[in-house]
N, C-alpha and C. Protein backbone atom coordinates (compact mmCIF):
# COMPACT_ATOMS: atom_id res chain seq x y z
N UNK A 1 15.92 -14.82 57.84
CA UNK A 1 15.84 -16.18 58.33
C UNK A 1 17.13 -16.93 58.02
N UNK A 2 17.23 -18.15 58.48
CA UNK A 2 18.47 -18.92 58.33
C UNK A 2 18.73 -19.33 56.88
N UNK A 3 17.68 -19.45 56.08
CA UNK A 3 17.86 -19.85 54.68
C UNK A 3 18.28 -18.68 53.81
N UNK A 4 18.33 -17.49 54.39
CA UNK A 4 18.71 -16.27 53.68
C UNK A 4 17.74 -15.93 52.54
N UNK A 5 16.49 -16.29 52.70
CA UNK A 5 15.48 -15.97 51.69
C UNK A 5 14.62 -14.79 52.10
N UNK A 6 14.68 -14.43 53.36
CA UNK A 6 13.90 -13.30 53.85
C UNK A 6 14.79 -12.44 54.73
N UNK A 7 14.48 -11.15 54.76
CA UNK A 7 15.21 -10.22 55.61
C UNK A 7 14.24 -9.15 56.10
N UNK A 8 14.59 -8.52 57.17
CA UNK A 8 13.81 -7.41 57.70
C UNK A 8 14.62 -6.14 57.50
N UNK A 9 14.06 -5.18 56.78
CA UNK A 9 14.75 -3.92 56.56
C UNK A 9 14.63 -3.06 57.80
N UNK A 10 15.77 -2.61 58.28
CA UNK A 10 15.79 -1.76 59.47
C UNK A 10 15.87 -0.29 59.10
N UNK A 11 16.35 0.02 57.92
CA UNK A 11 16.53 1.40 57.47
C UNK A 11 17.46 1.39 56.27
N UNK A 12 17.97 2.57 55.94
CA UNK A 12 18.89 2.66 54.80
C UNK A 12 19.86 3.81 55.03
N UNK A 13 20.88 3.83 54.21
CA UNK A 13 21.81 4.95 54.17
C UNK A 13 22.16 5.19 52.70
N UNK A 14 22.18 6.45 52.26
CA UNK A 14 22.50 6.71 50.85
C UNK A 14 23.97 6.46 50.52
N UNK A 15 24.83 6.46 51.53
CA UNK A 15 26.26 6.21 51.31
C UNK A 15 26.77 5.27 52.39
N UNK A 16 27.84 4.58 52.07
CA UNK A 16 28.47 3.67 53.03
C UNK A 16 29.70 4.36 53.59
N UNK A 17 29.87 4.36 54.91
CA UNK A 17 31.07 4.97 55.50
C UNK A 17 32.34 4.28 54.99
N UNK A 18 33.44 5.04 54.94
CA UNK A 18 34.70 4.47 54.46
C UNK A 18 35.15 3.29 55.29
N UNK A 19 34.81 3.30 56.56
CA UNK A 19 35.22 2.19 57.44
C UNK A 19 34.51 0.89 57.07
N UNK A 20 33.40 1.00 56.36
CA UNK A 20 32.62 -0.17 56.00
C UNK A 20 31.67 -0.62 57.09
N UNK A 21 31.76 0.01 58.24
CA UNK A 21 30.88 -0.32 59.36
C UNK A 21 29.78 0.72 59.46
N UNK A 22 28.59 0.25 59.73
CA UNK A 22 27.44 1.14 59.81
C UNK A 22 26.62 0.80 61.05
N UNK A 23 26.69 1.65 62.07
CA UNK A 23 25.87 1.40 63.26
C UNK A 23 24.39 1.52 62.92
N UNK A 24 23.59 0.65 63.49
CA UNK A 24 22.15 0.64 63.24
C UNK A 24 21.54 2.00 63.56
N UNK A 25 22.05 2.69 64.55
CA UNK A 25 21.52 4.00 64.93
C UNK A 25 21.72 5.06 63.87
N UNK A 26 22.59 4.81 62.90
CA UNK A 26 22.84 5.79 61.82
C UNK A 26 21.93 5.58 60.62
N UNK A 27 21.14 4.54 60.64
CA UNK A 27 20.24 4.27 59.51
C UNK A 27 19.11 5.28 59.48
N UNK A 28 18.72 5.65 58.26
CA UNK A 28 17.56 6.52 58.08
C UNK A 28 16.32 5.66 57.94
N UNK A 29 15.16 6.27 58.15
CA UNK A 29 13.90 5.52 58.14
C UNK A 29 13.54 5.03 56.73
N UNK A 30 12.67 4.04 56.67
CA UNK A 30 12.20 3.53 55.38
C UNK A 30 11.35 4.55 54.65
N UNK A 31 10.66 5.44 55.37
CA UNK A 31 9.91 6.52 54.73
C UNK A 31 10.88 7.45 53.99
N UNK A 32 12.05 7.70 54.61
CA UNK A 32 13.07 8.50 53.94
C UNK A 32 13.60 7.80 52.69
N UNK A 33 13.63 6.47 52.72
CA UNK A 33 14.08 5.72 51.55
C UNK A 33 13.16 5.98 50.36
N UNK A 34 11.87 5.97 50.57
CA UNK A 34 10.92 6.23 49.48
C UNK A 34 11.12 7.62 48.91
N UNK A 35 11.30 8.61 49.78
CA UNK A 35 11.55 9.98 49.33
C UNK A 35 12.86 10.05 48.55
N UNK A 36 13.87 9.39 49.05
CA UNK A 36 15.19 9.37 48.40
C UNK A 36 15.09 8.76 47.00
N UNK A 37 14.36 7.67 46.87
CA UNK A 37 14.19 7.02 45.57
C UNK A 37 13.47 7.95 44.60
N UNK A 38 12.43 8.63 45.06
CA UNK A 38 11.71 9.58 44.19
C UNK A 38 12.63 10.70 43.73
N UNK A 39 13.44 11.23 44.63
CA UNK A 39 14.36 12.32 44.27
C UNK A 39 15.38 11.86 43.24
N UNK A 40 15.89 10.66 43.41
CA UNK A 40 16.84 10.12 42.44
C UNK A 40 16.17 9.96 41.08
N UNK A 41 14.95 9.44 41.06
CA UNK A 41 14.22 9.27 39.81
C UNK A 41 13.97 10.59 39.10
N UNK A 42 13.61 11.63 39.85
CA UNK A 42 13.38 12.95 39.25
C UNK A 42 14.68 13.52 38.70
N UNK A 43 15.77 13.34 39.44
CA UNK A 43 17.06 13.84 38.98
C UNK A 43 17.48 13.14 37.70
N UNK A 44 17.32 11.82 37.64
CA UNK A 44 17.69 11.09 36.43
C UNK A 44 16.81 11.48 35.27
N UNK A 45 15.53 11.73 35.52
CA UNK A 45 14.61 12.14 34.46
C UNK A 45 15.05 13.47 33.87
N UNK A 46 15.43 14.41 34.73
CA UNK A 46 15.89 15.72 34.24
C UNK A 46 17.19 15.55 33.46
N UNK A 47 18.09 14.71 33.93
CA UNK A 47 19.36 14.50 33.25
C UNK A 47 19.17 13.88 31.88
N UNK A 48 18.13 13.09 31.70
CA UNK A 48 17.94 12.39 30.44
C UNK A 48 17.18 13.23 29.42
N UNK A 49 16.88 14.46 29.71
CA UNK A 49 16.18 15.32 28.75
C UNK A 49 17.19 15.91 27.77
N UNK A 50 16.82 15.87 26.51
CA UNK A 50 17.63 16.50 25.47
C UNK A 50 17.32 17.99 25.50
N UNK A 51 18.35 18.81 25.67
CA UNK A 51 18.17 20.26 25.74
C UNK A 51 18.23 20.84 24.33
N UNK A 52 17.08 21.16 23.77
CA UNK A 52 17.00 21.62 22.39
C UNK A 52 17.60 23.00 22.19
N UNK A 53 17.55 23.86 23.20
CA UNK A 53 18.13 25.20 23.07
C UNK A 53 19.63 25.13 22.81
N UNK A 54 20.28 24.10 23.34
CA UNK A 54 21.72 23.96 23.13
C UNK A 54 22.07 23.63 21.69
N UNK A 55 21.11 23.11 20.95
CA UNK A 55 21.39 22.78 19.56
C UNK A 55 21.78 24.01 18.76
N UNK A 56 21.25 25.18 19.12
CA UNK A 56 21.60 26.40 18.41
C UNK A 56 23.02 26.86 18.75
N UNK A 57 23.62 26.27 19.77
CA UNK A 57 25.01 26.55 20.14
C UNK A 57 25.92 25.42 19.67
N UNK A 58 25.40 24.57 18.79
CA UNK A 58 26.13 23.40 18.28
C UNK A 58 26.56 22.45 19.38
N UNK A 59 25.73 22.31 20.41
CA UNK A 59 25.97 21.34 21.48
C UNK A 59 24.91 20.25 21.33
N UNK A 60 25.37 19.05 20.97
CA UNK A 60 24.46 17.94 20.70
C UNK A 60 24.88 16.72 21.52
N UNK A 61 23.91 15.95 21.97
CA UNK A 61 24.20 14.67 22.58
C UNK A 61 24.75 13.76 21.48
N UNK A 62 25.69 12.87 21.81
CA UNK A 62 26.33 12.05 20.77
C UNK A 62 25.36 11.23 19.92
N UNK A 63 24.24 10.81 20.49
CA UNK A 63 23.31 9.97 19.73
C UNK A 63 22.52 10.77 18.69
N UNK A 64 22.49 12.10 18.81
CA UNK A 64 21.77 12.94 17.85
C UNK A 64 22.77 13.43 16.82
N UNK A 65 22.60 12.97 15.57
CA UNK A 65 23.54 13.26 14.50
C UNK A 65 22.90 14.13 13.42
N UNK A 66 23.75 14.62 12.52
CA UNK A 66 23.23 15.37 11.38
C UNK A 66 22.34 14.44 10.56
N UNK A 67 21.40 15.02 9.83
CA UNK A 67 20.49 14.21 9.02
C UNK A 67 21.25 13.45 7.94
N UNK A 68 22.28 14.06 7.39
CA UNK A 68 23.08 13.38 6.38
C UNK A 68 23.75 12.14 6.96
N UNK A 69 24.26 12.25 8.18
CA UNK A 69 24.92 11.10 8.82
C UNK A 69 23.92 10.00 9.14
N UNK A 70 22.72 10.37 9.55
CA UNK A 70 21.72 9.37 9.94
C UNK A 70 21.11 8.69 8.72
N UNK A 71 20.83 9.46 7.68
CA UNK A 71 20.14 8.90 6.51
C UNK A 71 21.08 8.43 5.41
N UNK A 72 22.36 8.67 5.56
CA UNK A 72 23.30 8.24 4.52
C UNK A 72 23.11 9.05 3.26
N UNK A 73 22.85 8.37 2.14
CA UNK A 73 22.76 9.06 0.86
C UNK A 73 21.46 9.82 0.68
N UNK A 74 20.44 9.47 1.46
CA UNK A 74 19.19 10.22 1.36
C UNK A 74 19.41 11.62 1.90
N UNK A 75 18.86 12.60 1.26
CA UNK A 75 18.94 13.97 1.78
C UNK A 75 17.64 14.27 2.50
N UNK A 76 17.76 14.81 3.68
CA UNK A 76 16.59 15.08 4.51
C UNK A 76 16.16 16.52 4.36
N UNK A 77 15.14 16.74 3.57
CA UNK A 77 14.51 18.06 3.52
C UNK A 77 13.41 18.06 4.56
N UNK A 78 13.80 17.85 5.77
CA UNK A 78 12.88 17.57 6.86
C UNK A 78 11.88 18.68 7.09
N UNK A 79 12.34 19.88 7.17
CA UNK A 79 11.46 20.93 7.67
C UNK A 79 11.18 22.01 6.63
N UNK A 80 11.11 21.63 5.37
CA UNK A 80 10.89 22.65 4.34
C UNK A 80 9.63 23.46 4.58
N UNK A 81 8.56 22.80 4.96
CA UNK A 81 7.32 23.54 5.19
C UNK A 81 7.39 24.38 6.46
N UNK A 82 8.29 24.03 7.35
CA UNK A 82 8.40 24.73 8.62
C UNK A 82 9.31 25.95 8.52
N UNK A 83 10.29 25.87 7.69
CA UNK A 83 11.33 26.89 7.68
C UNK A 83 10.96 28.09 6.82
N UNK A 84 11.06 29.26 7.41
CA UNK A 84 10.99 30.47 6.60
C UNK A 84 12.40 30.96 6.32
N UNK A 85 13.31 30.69 7.24
CA UNK A 85 14.71 31.02 7.06
C UNK A 85 15.53 29.77 7.38
N UNK A 86 15.87 28.97 6.36
CA UNK A 86 16.55 27.70 6.60
C UNK A 86 17.84 27.83 7.41
N UNK A 87 18.56 28.93 7.26
CA UNK A 87 19.82 29.06 7.99
C UNK A 87 19.61 29.18 9.49
N UNK A 88 18.40 29.52 9.93
CA UNK A 88 18.12 29.63 11.36
C UNK A 88 17.65 28.31 11.95
N UNK A 89 17.42 27.31 11.11
CA UNK A 89 16.91 26.02 11.59
C UNK A 89 18.03 25.08 11.98
N UNK A 90 17.71 24.17 12.88
CA UNK A 90 18.63 23.11 13.28
C UNK A 90 17.88 21.79 13.16
N UNK A 91 18.53 20.80 12.55
CA UNK A 91 17.94 19.47 12.39
C UNK A 91 18.90 18.44 12.95
N UNK A 92 18.35 17.45 13.61
CA UNK A 92 19.13 16.32 14.09
C UNK A 92 18.27 15.07 14.02
N UNK A 93 18.91 13.93 13.96
CA UNK A 93 18.17 12.68 13.90
C UNK A 93 18.92 11.57 14.62
N UNK A 94 18.19 10.52 14.91
CA UNK A 94 18.81 9.34 15.51
C UNK A 94 18.03 8.11 15.11
N UNK A 95 18.72 7.00 15.08
CA UNK A 95 18.10 5.71 14.76
C UNK A 95 17.43 5.19 16.02
N UNK A 96 16.19 4.74 15.87
CA UNK A 96 15.42 4.17 16.97
C UNK A 96 15.19 2.70 16.68
N UNK A 97 15.63 1.85 17.58
CA UNK A 97 15.42 0.40 17.45
C UNK A 97 14.10 0.06 18.12
N UNK A 98 13.24 -0.59 17.40
CA UNK A 98 11.92 -0.93 17.93
C UNK A 98 11.88 -2.35 18.47
N UNK A 99 12.94 -2.77 19.11
CA UNK A 99 12.96 -4.05 19.81
C UNK A 99 13.59 -5.16 19.01
N UNK A 100 14.18 -6.10 19.72
CA UNK A 100 14.83 -7.23 19.06
C UNK A 100 13.83 -8.28 18.61
N UNK A 101 12.60 -8.18 19.11
CA UNK A 101 11.57 -9.14 18.69
C UNK A 101 11.19 -8.95 17.23
N UNK A 102 11.32 -7.75 16.76
CA UNK A 102 10.95 -7.44 15.38
C UNK A 102 12.20 -7.46 14.52
N UNK A 103 12.14 -8.12 13.42
CA UNK A 103 13.30 -8.23 12.57
C UNK A 103 13.53 -6.93 11.82
N UNK A 104 14.67 -6.34 12.04
CA UNK A 104 15.09 -5.11 11.34
C UNK A 104 14.01 -4.04 11.33
N UNK A 105 13.37 -3.79 12.45
CA UNK A 105 12.37 -2.73 12.53
C UNK A 105 12.97 -1.55 13.26
N UNK A 106 13.75 -0.78 12.55
CA UNK A 106 14.27 0.45 13.12
C UNK A 106 13.82 1.59 12.23
N UNK A 107 13.74 2.76 12.82
CA UNK A 107 13.30 3.95 12.11
C UNK A 107 14.21 5.11 12.50
N UNK A 108 14.08 6.20 11.79
CA UNK A 108 14.82 7.42 12.10
C UNK A 108 13.86 8.41 12.75
N UNK A 109 14.22 8.88 13.93
CA UNK A 109 13.48 9.95 14.60
C UNK A 109 14.24 11.23 14.32
N UNK A 110 13.57 12.20 13.73
CA UNK A 110 14.20 13.46 13.37
C UNK A 110 13.48 14.62 14.04
N UNK A 111 14.25 15.61 14.45
CA UNK A 111 13.69 16.81 15.09
C UNK A 111 14.28 18.02 14.39
N UNK A 112 13.42 18.96 13.99
CA UNK A 112 13.85 20.22 13.40
C UNK A 112 13.31 21.36 14.24
N UNK A 113 14.16 22.34 14.49
CA UNK A 113 13.80 23.50 15.30
C UNK A 113 13.96 24.77 14.49
N UNK A 114 13.00 25.65 14.59
CA UNK A 114 13.08 26.95 13.96
C UNK A 114 12.55 28.00 14.93
N UNK A 115 13.36 29.01 15.24
CA UNK A 115 12.85 30.07 16.12
C UNK A 115 11.71 30.82 15.43
N UNK A 116 10.60 30.99 16.13
CA UNK A 116 9.45 31.74 15.60
C UNK A 116 9.65 33.23 15.88
N UNK A 117 10.05 33.53 17.10
CA UNK A 117 10.36 34.90 17.51
C UNK A 117 11.39 34.80 18.63
N UNK A 118 11.53 35.86 19.42
CA UNK A 118 12.55 35.85 20.47
C UNK A 118 12.36 34.73 21.48
N UNK A 119 11.13 34.27 21.67
CA UNK A 119 10.88 33.27 22.70
C UNK A 119 10.33 31.96 22.16
N UNK A 120 9.41 32.02 21.23
CA UNK A 120 8.72 30.82 20.78
C UNK A 120 9.56 30.03 19.78
N UNK A 121 9.46 28.69 19.89
CA UNK A 121 10.21 27.79 19.02
C UNK A 121 9.24 26.87 18.28
N UNK A 122 9.35 26.81 16.95
CA UNK A 122 8.60 25.83 16.17
C UNK A 122 9.38 24.52 16.17
N UNK A 123 8.66 23.43 16.39
CA UNK A 123 9.29 22.12 16.49
C UNK A 123 8.58 21.17 15.52
N UNK A 124 9.35 20.50 14.71
CA UNK A 124 8.83 19.48 13.81
C UNK A 124 9.50 18.17 14.19
N UNK A 125 8.69 17.18 14.51
CA UNK A 125 9.19 15.84 14.85
C UNK A 125 8.71 14.91 13.75
N UNK A 126 9.63 14.15 13.21
CA UNK A 126 9.29 13.30 12.07
C UNK A 126 9.91 11.92 12.26
N UNK A 127 9.20 10.90 11.81
CA UNK A 127 9.74 9.53 11.78
C UNK A 127 9.82 9.12 10.32
N UNK A 128 10.99 8.61 9.94
CA UNK A 128 11.24 8.16 8.57
C UNK A 128 11.77 6.73 8.60
N UNK A 129 11.65 6.03 7.48
CA UNK A 129 12.26 4.69 7.43
C UNK A 129 13.78 4.81 7.37
N UNK A 130 14.46 3.75 7.75
CA UNK A 130 15.91 3.73 7.62
C UNK A 130 16.26 3.62 6.14
N UNK A 131 17.52 3.82 5.82
CA UNK A 131 17.92 3.90 4.41
C UNK A 131 17.60 2.65 3.60
N UNK A 132 17.49 1.49 4.22
CA UNK A 132 17.18 0.28 3.48
C UNK A 132 15.70 0.06 3.22
N UNK A 133 14.84 0.89 3.75
CA UNK A 133 13.39 0.72 3.66
C UNK A 133 12.76 1.87 2.86
N UNK A 134 11.64 1.58 2.22
CA UNK A 134 10.89 2.61 1.50
C UNK A 134 9.80 3.18 2.39
N UNK A 135 9.10 2.30 3.10
CA UNK A 135 7.96 2.71 3.92
C UNK A 135 8.18 2.39 5.39
N UNK A 136 7.47 3.11 6.21
CA UNK A 136 7.43 2.81 7.64
C UNK A 136 6.53 1.61 7.88
N UNK A 137 6.72 0.89 8.98
CA UNK A 137 5.81 -0.22 9.28
C UNK A 137 4.38 0.29 9.49
N UNK A 138 3.37 -0.46 9.05
CA UNK A 138 1.98 -0.05 9.30
C UNK A 138 1.70 0.01 10.80
N UNK A 139 0.83 0.93 11.17
CA UNK A 139 0.38 1.12 12.56
C UNK A 139 1.47 1.63 13.50
N UNK A 140 2.51 2.20 12.96
CA UNK A 140 3.52 2.86 13.79
C UNK A 140 2.93 4.16 14.30
N UNK A 141 3.09 4.43 15.59
CA UNK A 141 2.53 5.64 16.18
C UNK A 141 3.64 6.60 16.58
N UNK A 142 3.40 7.88 16.36
CA UNK A 142 4.26 8.96 16.82
C UNK A 142 3.41 9.83 17.72
N UNK A 143 3.85 10.02 18.97
CA UNK A 143 3.06 10.78 19.94
C UNK A 143 3.91 11.86 20.59
N UNK A 144 3.28 12.99 20.89
CA UNK A 144 3.89 14.04 21.71
C UNK A 144 3.12 14.09 23.01
N UNK A 145 3.85 14.05 24.13
CA UNK A 145 3.26 14.05 25.46
C UNK A 145 3.76 15.25 26.24
N UNK A 146 2.92 15.78 27.12
CA UNK A 146 3.38 16.88 27.96
C UNK A 146 4.22 16.34 29.11
N UNK A 147 4.67 17.25 29.98
CA UNK A 147 5.57 16.87 31.07
C UNK A 147 4.97 15.83 32.01
N UNK A 148 3.64 15.84 32.14
CA UNK A 148 2.96 14.88 33.02
C UNK A 148 2.63 13.57 32.30
N UNK A 149 2.91 13.50 31.00
CA UNK A 149 2.64 12.28 30.26
C UNK A 149 1.30 12.27 29.54
N UNK A 150 0.58 13.40 29.57
CA UNK A 150 -0.71 13.48 28.87
C UNK A 150 -0.46 13.65 27.36
N UNK A 151 -1.26 12.97 26.57
CA UNK A 151 -1.13 13.02 25.11
C UNK A 151 -1.50 14.40 24.59
N UNK A 152 -0.60 15.00 23.82
CA UNK A 152 -0.86 16.29 23.19
C UNK A 152 -1.35 16.10 21.75
N UNK A 153 -0.67 15.23 21.02
CA UNK A 153 -1.05 14.94 19.63
C UNK A 153 -0.40 13.64 19.21
N UNK A 154 -0.94 13.06 18.14
CA UNK A 154 -0.36 11.81 17.65
C UNK A 154 -0.62 11.65 16.15
N UNK A 155 0.20 10.82 15.54
CA UNK A 155 0.04 10.45 14.14
C UNK A 155 0.31 8.95 14.04
N UNK A 156 -0.31 8.31 13.05
CA UNK A 156 -0.14 6.87 12.89
C UNK A 156 0.00 6.54 11.41
N UNK A 157 0.89 5.60 11.10
CA UNK A 157 1.08 5.20 9.71
C UNK A 157 -0.03 4.27 9.25
N UNK A 158 -0.24 4.28 7.96
CA UNK A 158 -1.14 3.33 7.31
C UNK A 158 -0.27 2.30 6.61
N UNK A 159 -0.72 1.78 5.49
CA UNK A 159 0.02 0.69 4.84
C UNK A 159 1.25 1.16 4.06
N UNK A 160 1.28 2.40 3.60
CA UNK A 160 2.43 2.81 2.77
C UNK A 160 2.81 4.28 3.01
N UNK A 161 3.15 4.61 4.24
CA UNK A 161 3.64 5.95 4.55
C UNK A 161 5.17 5.93 4.57
N UNK A 162 5.77 6.93 3.92
CA UNK A 162 7.23 7.01 4.00
C UNK A 162 7.70 7.99 5.07
N UNK A 163 6.77 8.66 5.76
CA UNK A 163 7.08 9.44 6.94
C UNK A 163 5.79 9.80 7.66
N UNK A 164 5.91 10.11 8.94
CA UNK A 164 4.82 10.74 9.71
C UNK A 164 5.46 11.85 10.53
N UNK A 165 4.68 12.88 10.81
CA UNK A 165 5.25 14.00 11.54
C UNK A 165 4.23 14.69 12.43
N UNK A 166 4.77 15.41 13.40
CA UNK A 166 3.99 16.27 14.29
C UNK A 166 4.66 17.63 14.29
N UNK A 167 3.85 18.67 14.28
CA UNK A 167 4.39 20.03 14.31
C UNK A 167 3.70 20.80 15.42
N UNK A 168 4.50 21.47 16.24
CA UNK A 168 3.95 22.25 17.35
C UNK A 168 4.97 23.32 17.74
N UNK A 169 4.62 24.15 18.70
CA UNK A 169 5.54 25.18 19.16
C UNK A 169 5.60 25.15 20.68
N UNK A 170 6.65 25.76 21.21
CA UNK A 170 6.82 25.80 22.66
C UNK A 170 7.76 26.93 23.05
N UNK A 171 7.94 27.07 24.34
CA UNK A 171 8.74 28.15 24.90
C UNK A 171 9.90 27.59 25.71
N UNK A 172 10.99 28.36 25.85
CA UNK A 172 12.14 27.88 26.62
C UNK A 172 11.73 27.40 28.01
N UNK A 173 12.29 26.26 28.40
CA UNK A 173 11.99 25.68 29.70
C UNK A 173 10.87 24.66 29.69
N UNK A 174 10.04 24.67 28.64
CA UNK A 174 8.95 23.69 28.56
C UNK A 174 9.53 22.31 28.24
N UNK A 175 8.92 21.29 28.84
CA UNK A 175 9.36 19.91 28.64
C UNK A 175 8.29 19.13 27.89
N UNK A 176 8.73 18.20 27.06
CA UNK A 176 7.80 17.30 26.38
C UNK A 176 8.51 15.99 26.09
N UNK A 177 7.73 14.99 25.77
CA UNK A 177 8.26 13.67 25.43
C UNK A 177 7.73 13.27 24.07
N UNK A 178 8.57 12.67 23.27
CA UNK A 178 8.16 12.09 21.99
C UNK A 178 8.24 10.57 22.16
N UNK A 179 7.16 9.91 21.77
CA UNK A 179 7.08 8.45 21.92
C UNK A 179 6.81 7.84 20.55
N UNK A 180 7.61 6.85 20.18
CA UNK A 180 7.41 6.09 18.95
C UNK A 180 7.03 4.68 19.38
N UNK A 181 5.88 4.20 18.88
CA UNK A 181 5.38 2.90 19.32
C UNK A 181 4.96 2.05 18.13
N UNK A 182 5.24 0.76 18.23
CA UNK A 182 4.80 -0.22 17.24
C UNK A 182 4.37 -1.46 18.02
N UNK A 183 3.09 -1.72 18.01
CA UNK A 183 2.57 -2.83 18.81
C UNK A 183 2.79 -2.55 20.28
N UNK A 184 3.37 -3.50 20.98
CA UNK A 184 3.61 -3.30 22.41
C UNK A 184 5.01 -2.80 22.72
N UNK A 185 5.75 -2.39 21.70
CA UNK A 185 7.10 -1.87 21.88
C UNK A 185 7.07 -0.37 21.66
N UNK A 186 7.68 0.38 22.59
CA UNK A 186 7.74 1.83 22.43
C UNK A 186 9.09 2.35 22.91
N UNK A 187 9.49 3.46 22.32
CA UNK A 187 10.71 4.16 22.69
C UNK A 187 10.34 5.61 22.92
N UNK A 188 10.81 6.18 24.04
CA UNK A 188 10.50 7.57 24.37
C UNK A 188 11.77 8.39 24.45
N UNK A 189 11.67 9.63 24.03
CA UNK A 189 12.75 10.61 24.15
C UNK A 189 12.18 11.82 24.86
N UNK A 190 12.88 12.28 25.90
CA UNK A 190 12.45 13.44 26.68
C UNK A 190 13.23 14.67 26.24
N UNK A 191 12.53 15.80 26.12
CA UNK A 191 13.14 17.04 25.66
C UNK A 191 12.79 18.19 26.57
N UNK A 192 13.67 19.19 26.61
CA UNK A 192 13.37 20.48 27.21
C UNK A 192 13.76 21.52 26.17
N UNK A 193 12.90 22.50 25.99
CA UNK A 193 13.15 23.54 24.99
C UNK A 193 14.12 24.57 25.56
């Protein structure tokens, strides 16, 4: 309309020609737009998965650091109960901010991997307080979700927990999500084994 508050979509194009001109006949249908958006979302979702198998090749995303770097002076004996051969295990952690609404409510999300056999991988996911805190916030939830988002398992803090953890196993190529939630704020990390 003349007030420029409404428009009628005629179609879309995923790219703009170098000339900057786009004939209406070259537009794709709006049904194609929905499919295109879904494909982009799936591609971005796959790109955002942390590839755990690469950790054994010392390939880490920059946000995933050694436990010593994440916890400072605290030493992380993260997976002692999980490890039968500590030298075969890999541990990484990252600081998770639980929103600006909460004053200084950040935690450490840690992941430890230990090969069970040629194919199966033991995975330990743990949430710990940051170095300035003794306990995790009460009612903090740690959840593991399958690729479709269905809840696999969860743990929740009480009034004075200094960590919570989930332990499970999986096979190469399997995808899962770890979700840390406090109240209405949550942070999710996507992984592929």
